[in-house]
Amino acid sequence: MPTVNCQNCGKPFHVAPSVLRRGYGKFCSPVCAYESRGEAGTRADNVGDEYTVRMSHEDPWLTGAIQPDVFGNGVVREVDFGLGF
């Protein structure tokens, strides 16, 4: 196995030749790969931060675009994972 140096910390580590052929094997650990992207902190530091969920489409049942089934034809609202509502 070839020995290469980590592009982030410079530490030598072993990588399989097939991994190098695919263009990977540049970092000695996931932590070094994450740090090399220049992102501040770690993912664990961001746990618990508040965020806002934005829907790409309005919910047609809430806006009234889809009327309730007044005749009982079995129309049931199901979650559409593609649209997010």
PDB file of N, CA and C in Angstrom:
ATOM      1  N   MET A   1       0.843  -1.187   0.000  1.00  0.00           N
ATOM      2  CA  MET A   1       0.000   0.000   0.000  1.00  0.00           C
ATOM      3  C   MET A   1       0.879   1.238   0.000  1.00  0.00           C
ATOM      4  N   PRO A   2       0.551   2.177  -0.869  1.00  0.00           N
ATOM      5  CA  PRO A   2       1.332   3.415  -0.909  1.00  0.00           C
ATOM      6  C   PRO A   2       1.093   4.266   0.335  1.00  0.00           C
ATOM      7  N   THR A   3       2.100   5.002   0.700  1.00  0.00           N
ATOM      8  CA  THR A   3       1.994   5.947   1.802  1.00  0.00           C
ATOM      9  C   THR A   3       1.903   7.341   1.215  1.00  0.00           C
ATOM     10  N   VAL A   4       0.892   8.094   1.617  1.00  0.00           N
ATOM     11  CA  VAL A   4       0.721   9.473   1.151  1.00  0.00           C
ATOM     12  C   VAL A   4       0.603  10.377   2.368  1.00  0.00           C
ATOM     13  N   ASN A   5       0.795  11.666   2.153  1.00  0.00           N
ATOM     14  CA  ASN A   5       0.678  12.644   3.230  1.00  0.00           C
ATOM     15  C   ASN A   5      -0.684  13.312   3.164  1.00  0.00           C
ATOM     16  N   CYS A   6      -1.275  13.511   4.323  1.00  0.00           N
ATOM     17  CA  CYS A   6      -2.576  14.174   4.427  1.00  0.00           C
ATOM     18  C   CYS A   6      -2.448  15.609   3.919  1.00  0.00           C
ATOM     19  N   GLN A   7      -3.386  16.046   3.084  1.00  0.00           N
ATOM     20  CA  GLN A   7      -3.343  17.398   2.531  1.00  0.00           C
ATOM     21  C   GLN A   7      -3.716  18.453   3.564  1.00  0.00           C
ATOM     22  N   ASN A   8      -4.267  18.042   4.699  1.00  0.00           N
ATOM     23  CA  ASN A   8      -4.646  18.998   5.730  1.00  0.00           C
ATOM     24  C   ASN A   8      -3.582  19.113   6.816  1.00  0.00           C
ATOM     25  N   CYS A   9      -3.189  17.979   7.398  1.00  0.00           N
ATOM     26  CA  CYS A   9      -2.272  18.024   8.545  1.00  0.00           C
ATOM     27  C   CYS A   9      -0.859  17.552   8.205  1.00  0.00           C
ATOM     28  N   GLY A  10      -0.674  16.908   7.051  1.00  0.00           N
ATOM     29  CA  GLY A  10       0.648  16.452   6.647  1.00  0.00           C
ATOM     30  C   GLY A  10       1.054  15.102   7.208  1.00  0.00           C
ATOM     31  N   LYS A  11       0.196  14.469   7.970  1.00  0.00           N
ATOM     32  CA  LYS A  11       0.490  13.177   8.578  1.00  0.00           C
ATOM     33  C   LYS A  11       0.512  12.086   7.501  1.00  0.00           C
ATOM     34  N   PRO A  12       1.541  11.224   7.482  1.00  0.00           N
ATOM     35  CA  PRO A  12       1.565  10.138   6.498  1.00  0.00           C
ATOM     36  C   PRO A  12       0.580   9.028   6.877  1.00  0.00           C
ATOM     37  N   PHE A  13      -0.068   8.445   5.869  1.00  0.00           N
ATOM     38  CA  PHE A  13      -0.999   7.344   6.102  1.00  0.00           C
ATOM     39  C   PHE A  13      -1.041   6.460   4.859  1.00  0.00           C
ATOM     40  N   HIS A  14      -1.511   5.236   5.024  1.00  0.00           N
ATOM     41  CA  HIS A  14      -1.565   4.254   3.941  1.00  0.00           C
ATOM     42  C   HIS A  14      -2.914   4.310   3.235  1.00  0.00           C
ATOM     43  N   VAL A  15      -2.864   4.178   1.902  1.00  0.00           N
ATOM     44  CA  VAL A  15      -4.082   4.197   1.096  1.00  0.00           C
ATOM     45  C   VAL A  15      -3.988   3.084   0.063  1.00  0.00           C
ATOM     46  N   ALA A  16      -5.099   2.413  -0.163  1.00  0.00           N
ATOM     47  CA  ALA A  16      -5.144   1.373  -1.192  1.00  0.00           C
ATOM     48  C   ALA A  16      -4.968   2.013  -2.575  1.00  0.00           C
ATOM     49  N   PRO A  17      -4.265   1.355  -3.473  1.00  0.00           N
ATOM     50  CA  PRO A  17      -4.062   1.909  -4.818  1.00  0.00           C
ATOM     51  C   PRO A  17      -5.378   2.199  -5.543  1.00  0.00           C
ATOM     52  N   SER A  18      -6.392   1.368  -5.348  1.00  0.00           N
ATOM     53  CA  SER A  18      -7.670   1.594  -6.022  1.00  0.00           C
ATOM     54  C   SER A  18      -8.332   2.885  -5.549  1.00  0.00           C
ATOM     55  N   VAL A  19      -8.110   3.239  -4.291  1.00  0.00           N
ATOM     56  CA  VAL A  19      -8.669   4.482  -3.754  1.00  0.00           C
ATOM     57  C   VAL A  19      -7.976   5.676  -4.397  1.00  0.00           C
ATOM     58  N   LEU A  20      -6.679   5.579  -4.579  1.00  0.00           N
ATOM     59  CA  LEU A  20      -5.932   6.661  -5.221  1.00  0.00           C
ATOM     60  C   LEU A  20      -6.337   6.820  -6.681  1.00  0.00           C
ATOM     61  N   ARG A  21      -6.584   5.718  -7.389  1.00  0.00           N
ATOM     62  CA  ARG A  21      -6.991   5.789  -8.799  1.00  0.00           C
ATOM     63  C   ARG A  21      -8.330   6.495  -8.963  1.00  0.00           C
ATOM     64  N   ARG A  22      -9.208   6.369  -7.980  1.00  0.00           N
ATOM     65  CA  ARG A  22     -10.508   7.039  -8.046  1.00  0.00           C
ATOM     66  C   ARG A  22     -10.420   8.509  -7.647  1.00  0.00           C
ATOM     67  N   GLY A  23      -9.238   8.954  -7.229  1.00  0.00           N
ATOM     68  CA  GLY A  23      -9.065  10.360  -6.863  1.00  0.00           C
ATOM     69  C   GLY A  23      -9.310  10.667  -5.407  1.00  0.00           C
ATOM     70  N   TYR A  24      -9.434   9.612  -4.586  1.00  0.00           N
ATOM     71  CA  TYR A  24      -9.654   9.811  -3.153  1.00  0.00           C
ATOM     72  C   TYR A  24      -8.357   9.541  -2.405  1.00  0.00           C
ATOM     73  N   GLY A  25      -8.419   9.429  -1.092  1.00  0.00           N
ATOM     74  CA  GLY A  25      -7.235   9.140  -0.291  1.00  0.00           C
ATOM     75  C   GLY A  25      -6.366  10.360  -0.073  1.00  0.00           C
ATOM     76  N   LYS A  26      -6.986  11.507   0.041  1.00  0.00           N
ATOM     77  CA  LYS A  26      -6.234  12.745   0.217  1.00  0.00           C
ATOM     78  C   LYS A  26      -6.083  13.152   1.675  1.00  0.00           C
ATOM     79  N   PHE A  27      -6.959  12.621   2.526  1.00  0.00           N
ATOM     80  CA  PHE A  27      -6.964  13.032   3.925  1.00  0.00           C
ATOM     81  C   PHE A  27      -6.873  11.811   4.827  1.00  0.00           C
ATOM     82  N   CYS A  28      -6.224  11.963   5.975  1.00  0.00           N
ATOM     83  CA  CYS A  28      -5.989  10.834   6.874  1.00  0.00           C
ATOM     84  C   CYS A  28      -7.234  10.469   7.679  1.00  0.00           C
ATOM     85  N   SER A  29      -8.192  11.378   7.802  1.00  0.00           N
ATOM     86  CA  SER A  29      -9.395  11.102   8.589  1.00  0.00           C
ATOM     87  C   SER A  29     -10.546  11.983   8.095  1.00  0.00           C
ATOM     88  N   PRO A  30     -11.776  11.618   8.452  1.00  0.00           N
ATOM     89  CA  PRO A  30     -12.909  12.484   8.099  1.00  0.00           C
ATOM     90  C   PRO A  30     -12.807  13.877   8.726  1.00  0.00           C
ATOM     91  N   VAL A  31     -12.196  13.966   9.887  1.00  0.00           N
ATOM     92  CA  VAL A  31     -12.033  15.266  10.548  1.00  0.00           C
ATOM     93  C   VAL A  31     -11.145  16.174   9.708  1.00  0.00           C
ATOM     94  N   CYS A  32     -10.041  15.630   9.188  1.00  0.00           N
ATOM     95  CA  CYS A  32      -9.147  16.429   8.343  1.00  0.00           C
ATOM     96  C   CYS A  32      -9.842  16.824   7.043  1.00  0.00           C
ATOM     97  N   ALA A  33     -10.633  15.942   6.473  1.00  0.00           N
ATOM     98  CA  ALA A  33     -11.359  16.265   5.248  1.00  0.00           C
ATOM     99  C   ALA A  33     -12.348  17.389   5.510  1.00  0.00           C
ATOM    100  N   TYR A  34     -13.040  17.345   6.647  1.00  0.00           N
ATOM    101  CA  TYR A  34     -14.016  18.367   7.006  1.00  0.00           C
ATOM    102  C   TYR A  34     -13.334  19.709   7.235  1.00  0.00           C
ATOM    103  N   GLU A  35     -12.208  19.683   7.951  1.00  0.00           N
ATOM    104  CA  GLU A  35     -11.482  20.917   8.232  1.00  0.00           C
ATOM    105  C   GLU A  35     -10.915  21.536   6.964  1.00  0.00           C
ATOM    106  N   SER A  36     -10.525  20.713   6.000  1.00  0.00           N
ATOM    107  CA  SER A  36      -9.923  21.234   4.782  1.00  0.00           C
ATOM    108  C   SER A  36     -10.924  21.997   3.924  1.00  0.00           C
ATOM    109  N   ARG A  37     -12.223  21.743   4.105  1.00  0.00           N
ATOM    110  CA  ARG A  37     -13.240  22.460   3.337  1.00  0.00           C
ATOM    111  C   ARG A  37     -13.430  23.879   3.843  1.00  0.00           C
ATOM    112  N   GLY A  38     -12.804  24.210   4.964  1.00  0.00           N
ATOM    113  CA  GLY A  38     -12.867  25.570   5.473  1.00  0.00           C
ATOM    114  C   GLY A  38     -14.135  25.898   6.218  1.00  0.00           C
ATOM    115  N   GLU A  39     -14.891  24.900   6.626  1.00  0.00           N
ATOM    116  CA  GLU A  39     -16.121  25.147   7.355  1.00  0.00           C
ATOM    117  C   GLU A  39     -15.788  25.366   8.824  1.00  0.00           C
ATOM    118  N   ALA A  40     -16.414  26.361   9.419  1.00  0.00           N
ATOM    119  CA  ALA A  40     -16.114  26.703  10.804  1.00  0.00           C
ATOM    120  C   ALA A  40     -16.688  25.657  11.750  1.00  0.00           C
ATOM    121  N   GLY A  41     -15.916  25.279  12.713  1.00  0.00           N
ATOM    122  CA  GLY A  41     -16.370  24.339  13.739  1.00  0.00           C
ATOM    123  C   GLY A  41     -16.608  22.952  13.186  1.00  0.00           C
ATOM    124  N   THR A  42     -17.281  22.148  13.969  1.00  0.00           N
ATOM    125  CA  THR A  42     -17.627  20.807  13.529  1.00  0.00           C
ATOM    126  C   THR A  42     -19.135  20.676  13.518  1.00  0.00           C
ATOM    127  N   ARG A  43     -19.618  19.607  12.941  1.00  0.00           N
ATOM    128  CA  ARG A  43     -21.058  19.401  12.901  1.00  0.00           C
ATOM    129  C   ARG A  43     -21.628  19.300  14.315  1.00  0.00           C
ATOM    130  N   ALA A  44     -20.855  18.763  15.249  1.00  0.00           N
ATOM    131  CA  ALA A  44     -21.331  18.618  16.622  1.00  0.00           C
ATOM    132  C   ALA A  44     -21.514  19.984  17.282  1.00  0.00           C
ATOM    133  N   ASP A  45     -20.754  20.992  16.839  1.00  0.00           N
ATOM    134  CA  ASP A  45     -20.900  22.333  17.400  1.00  0.00           C
ATOM    135  C   ASP A  45     -22.226  22.962  17.007  1.00  0.00           C
ATOM    136  N   ASN A  46     -22.790  22.537  15.870  1.00  0.00           N
ATOM    137  CA  ASN A  46     -23.999  23.159  15.349  1.00  0.00           C
ATOM    138  C   ASN A  46     -25.278  22.484  15.820  1.00  0.00           C
ATOM    139  N   VAL A  47     -25.163  21.439  16.621  1.00  0.00           N
ATOM    140  CA  VAL A  47     -26.352  20.741  17.093  1.00  0.00           C
ATOM    141  C   VAL A  47     -27.141  21.659  18.018  1.00  0.00           C
ATOM    142  N   GLY A  48     -28.429  21.738  17.817  1.00  0.00           N
ATOM    143  CA  GLY A  48     -29.279  22.562  18.666  1.00  0.00           C
ATOM    144  C   GLY A  48     -29.486  23.965  18.157  1.00  0.00           C
ATOM    145  N   ASP A  49     -28.774  24.359  17.089  1.00  0.00           N
ATOM    146  CA  ASP A  49     -28.992  25.688  16.527  1.00  0.00           C
ATOM    147  C   ASP A  49     -30.385  25.754  15.916  1.00  0.00           C
ATOM    148  N   GLU A  50     -31.002  26.906  16.006  1.00  0.00           N
ATOM    149  CA  GLU A  50     -32.326  27.069  15.427  1.00  0.00           C
ATOM    150  C   GLU A  50     -32.192  27.292  13.927  1.00  0.00           C
ATOM    151  N   TYR A  51     -33.180  26.829  13.189  1.00  0.00           N
ATOM    152  CA  TYR A  51     -33.195  27.033  11.757  1.00  0.00           C
ATOM    153  C   TYR A  51     -34.636  27.169  11.297  1.00  0.00           C
ATOM    154  N   THR A  52     -34.813  27.685  10.113  1.00  0.00           N
ATOM    155  CA  THR A  52     -36.140  27.904   9.550  1.00  0.00           C
ATOM    156  C   THR A  52     -36.333  26.948   8.382  1.00  0.00           C
ATOM    157  N   VAL A  53     -37.482  26.277   8.373  1.00  0.00           N
ATOM    158  CA  VAL A  53     -37.814  25.391   7.271  1.00  0.00           C
ATOM    159  C   VAL A  53     -38.630  26.190   6.274  1.00  0.00           C
ATOM    160  N   ARG A  54     -38.182  26.184   5.029  1.00  0.00           N
ATOM    161  CA  ARG A  54     -38.895  26.894   3.984  1.00  0.00           C
ATOM    162  C   ARG A  54     -39.453  25.885   3.003  1.00  0.00           C
ATOM    163  N   MET A  55     -40.732  25.987   2.735  1.00  0.00           N
ATOM    164  CA  MET A  55     -41.355  25.100   1.759  1.00  0.00           C
ATOM    165  C   MET A  55     -41.226  25.736   0.384  1.00  0.00           C
ATOM    166  N   SER A  56     -40.943  24.915  -0.611  1.00  0.00           N
ATOM    167  CA  SER A  56     -40.814  25.438  -1.957  1.00  0.00           C
ATOM    168  C   SER A  56     -42.176  25.681  -2.595  1.00  0.00           C
ATOM    169  N   HIS A  57     -43.227  25.058  -2.075  1.00  0.00           N
ATOM    170  CA  HIS A  57     -44.574  25.219  -2.608  1.00  0.00           C
ATOM    171  C   HIS A  57     -45.535  25.444  -1.449  1.00  0.00           C
ATOM    172  N   GLU A  58     -46.612  26.121  -1.746  1.00  0.00           N
ATOM    173  CA  GLU A  58     -47.657  26.289  -0.747  1.00  0.00           C
ATOM    174  C   GLU A  58     -48.448  24.993  -0.635  1.00  0.00           C
ATOM    175  N   ASP A  59     -48.950  24.702   0.541  1.00  0.00           N
ATOM    176  CA  ASP A  59     -49.743  23.512   0.773  1.00  0.00           C
ATOM    177  C   ASP A  59     -51.122  23.719   0.147  1.00  0.00           C
ATOM    178  N   PRO A  60     -51.489  22.922  -0.878  1.00  0.00           N
ATOM    179  CA  PRO A  60     -52.762  23.169  -1.568  1.00  0.00           C
ATOM    180  C   PRO A  60     -53.985  22.959  -0.687  1.00  0.00           C
ATOM    181  N   TRP A  61     -53.898  22.158   0.364  1.00  0.00           N
ATOM    182  CA  TRP A  61     -55.044  21.971   1.248  1.00  0.00           C
ATOM    183  C   TRP A  61     -55.244  23.199   2.125  1.00  0.00           C
ATOM    184  N   LEU A  62     -54.149  23.830   2.526  1.00  0.00           N
ATOM    185  CA  LEU A  62     -54.271  25.025   3.364  1.00  0.00           C
ATOM    186  C   LEU A  62     -54.726  26.233   2.567  1.00  0.00           C
ATOM    187  N   THR A  63     -54.318  26.342   1.313  1.00  0.00           N
ATOM    188  CA  THR A  63     -54.688  27.496   0.492  1.00  0.00           C
ATOM    189  C   THR A  63     -56.077  27.367  -0.094  1.00  0.00           C
ATOM    190  N   GLY A  64     -56.655  26.149  -0.070  1.00  0.00           N
ATOM    191  CA  GLY A  64     -57.985  25.949  -0.618  1.00  0.00           C
ATOM    192  C   GLY A  64     -57.985  25.537  -2.071  1.00  0.00           C
ATOM    193  N   ALA A  65     -56.808  25.317  -2.651  1.00  0.00           N
ATOM    194  CA  ALA A  65     -56.728  24.899  -4.050  1.00  0.00           C
ATOM    195  C   ALA A  65     -57.337  23.514  -4.234  1.00  0.00           C
ATOM    196  N   ILE A  66     -57.270  22.674  -3.224  1.00  0.00           N
ATOM    197  CA  ILE A  66     -57.899  21.359  -3.267  1.00  0.00           C
ATOM    198  C   ILE A  66     -59.044  21.379  -2.273  1.00  0.00           C
ATOM    199  N   GLN A  67     -60.241  21.210  -2.799  1.00  0.00           N
ATOM    200  CA  GLN A  67     -61.429  21.260  -1.963  1.00  0.00           C
ATOM    201  C   GLN A  67     -61.610  19.946  -1.208  1.00  0.00           C
ATOM    202  N   PRO A  68     -62.180  19.979  -0.020  1.00  0.00           N
ATOM    203  CA  PRO A  68     -62.457  18.739   0.706  1.00  0.00           C
ATOM    204  C   PRO A  68     -63.481  17.908  -0.055  1.00  0.00           C
ATOM    205  N   ASP A  69     -63.410  16.616   0.109  1.00  0.00           N
ATOM    206  CA  ASP A  69     -64.318  15.700  -0.577  1.00  0.00           C
ATOM    207  C   ASP A  69     -65.661  15.701   0.154  1.00  0.00           C
ATOM    208  N   VAL A  70     -66.632  16.399  -0.413  1.00  0.00           N
ATOM    209  CA  VAL A  70     -67.927  16.518   0.247  1.00  0.00           C
ATOM    210  C   VAL A  70     -68.815  15.308  -0.019  1.00  0.00           C
ATOM    211  N   PHE A  71     -68.485  14.483  -1.003  1.00  0.00           N
ATOM    212  CA  PHE A  71     -69.315  13.334  -1.354  1.00  0.00           C
ATOM    213  C   PHE A  71     -68.782  12.026  -0.785  1.00  0.00           C
ATOM    214  N   GLY A  72     -67.644  12.073  -0.086  1.00  0.00           N
ATOM    215  CA  GLY A  72     -67.100  10.865   0.516  1.00  0.00           C
ATOM    216  C   GLY A  72     -66.567   9.868  -0.501  1.00  0.00           C
ATOM    217  N   ASN A  73     -65.907  10.375  -1.535  1.00  0.00           N
ATOM    218  CA  ASN A  73     -65.381   9.501  -2.590  1.00  0.00           C
ATOM    219  C   ASN A  73     -64.050   8.861  -2.224  1.00  0.00           C
ATOM    220  N   GLY A  74     -63.647   8.992  -1.015  1.00  0.00           N
ATOM    221  CA  GLY A  74     -62.418   8.332  -0.583  1.00  0.00           C
ATOM    222  C   GLY A  74     -61.150   9.113  -0.871  1.00  0.00           C
ATOM    223  N   VAL A  75     -61.249  10.407  -1.121  1.00  0.00           N
ATOM    224  CA  VAL A  75     -60.052  11.204  -1.330  1.00  0.00           C
ATOM    225  C   VAL A  75     -59.405  11.412   0.029  1.00  0.00           C
ATOM    226  N   VAL A  76     -58.202  10.944   0.145  1.00  0.00           N
ATOM    227  CA  VAL A  76     -57.485  11.022   1.415  1.00  0.00           C
ATOM    228  C   VAL A  76     -56.198  11.788   1.185  1.00  0.00           C
ATOM    229  N   ARG A  77     -55.930  12.703   2.063  1.00  0.00           N
ATOM    230  CA  ARG A  77     -54.689  13.461   1.957  1.00  0.00           C
ATOM    231  C   ARG A  77     -53.544  12.550   2.365  1.00  0.00           C
ATOM    232  N   GLU A  78     -52.568  12.434   1.452  1.00  0.00           N
ATOM    233  CA  GLU A  78     -51.373  11.655   1.741  1.00  0.00           C
ATOM    234  C   GLU A  78     -50.173  12.572   1.581  1.00  0.00           C
ATOM    235  N   VAL A  79     -49.118  12.270   2.288  1.00  0.00           N
ATOM    236  CA  VAL A  79     -47.912  13.062   2.227  1.00  0.00           C
ATOM    237  C   VAL A  79     -47.246  12.828   0.881  1.00  0.00           C
ATOM    238  N   ASP A  80     -46.904  13.923   0.205  1.00  0.00           N
ATOM    239  CA  ASP A  80     -46.152  13.851  -1.042  1.00  0.00           C
ATOM    240  C   ASP A  80     -44.720  14.243  -0.721  1.00  0.00           C
ATOM    241  N   PHE A  81     -43.835  13.264  -0.653  1.00  0.00           N
ATOM    242  CA  PHE A  81     -42.460  13.523  -0.246  1.00  0.00           C
ATOM    243  C   PHE A  81     -41.701  14.307  -1.302  1.00  0.00           C
ATOM    244  N   GLY A  82     -42.121  14.226  -2.543  1.00  0.00           N
ATOM    245  CA  GLY A  82     -41.464  14.995  -3.597  1.00  0.00           C
ATOM    246  C   GLY A  82     -41.700  16.478  -3.458  1.00  0.00           C
ATOM    247  N   LEU A  83     -42.913  16.870  -3.110  1.00  0.00           N
ATOM    248  CA  LEU A  83     -43.237  18.280  -2.952  1.00  0.00           C
ATOM    249  C   LEU A  83     -43.000  18.778  -1.538  1.00  0.00           C
ATOM    250  N   GLY A  84     -42.952  17.886  -0.568  1.00  0.00           N
ATOM    251  CA  GLY A  84     -42.664  18.292   0.793  1.00  0.00           C
ATOM    252  C   GLY A  84     -43.870  18.618   1.619  1.00  0.00           C
ATOM    253  N   PHE A  85     -45.071  18.243   1.175  1.00  0.00           N
ATOM    254  CA  PHE A  85     -46.266  18.477   1.981  1.00  0.00           C
ATOM    255  C   PHE A  85     -47.251  17.357   1.733  1.00  0.00           C
TER     256      PHE A  85
END
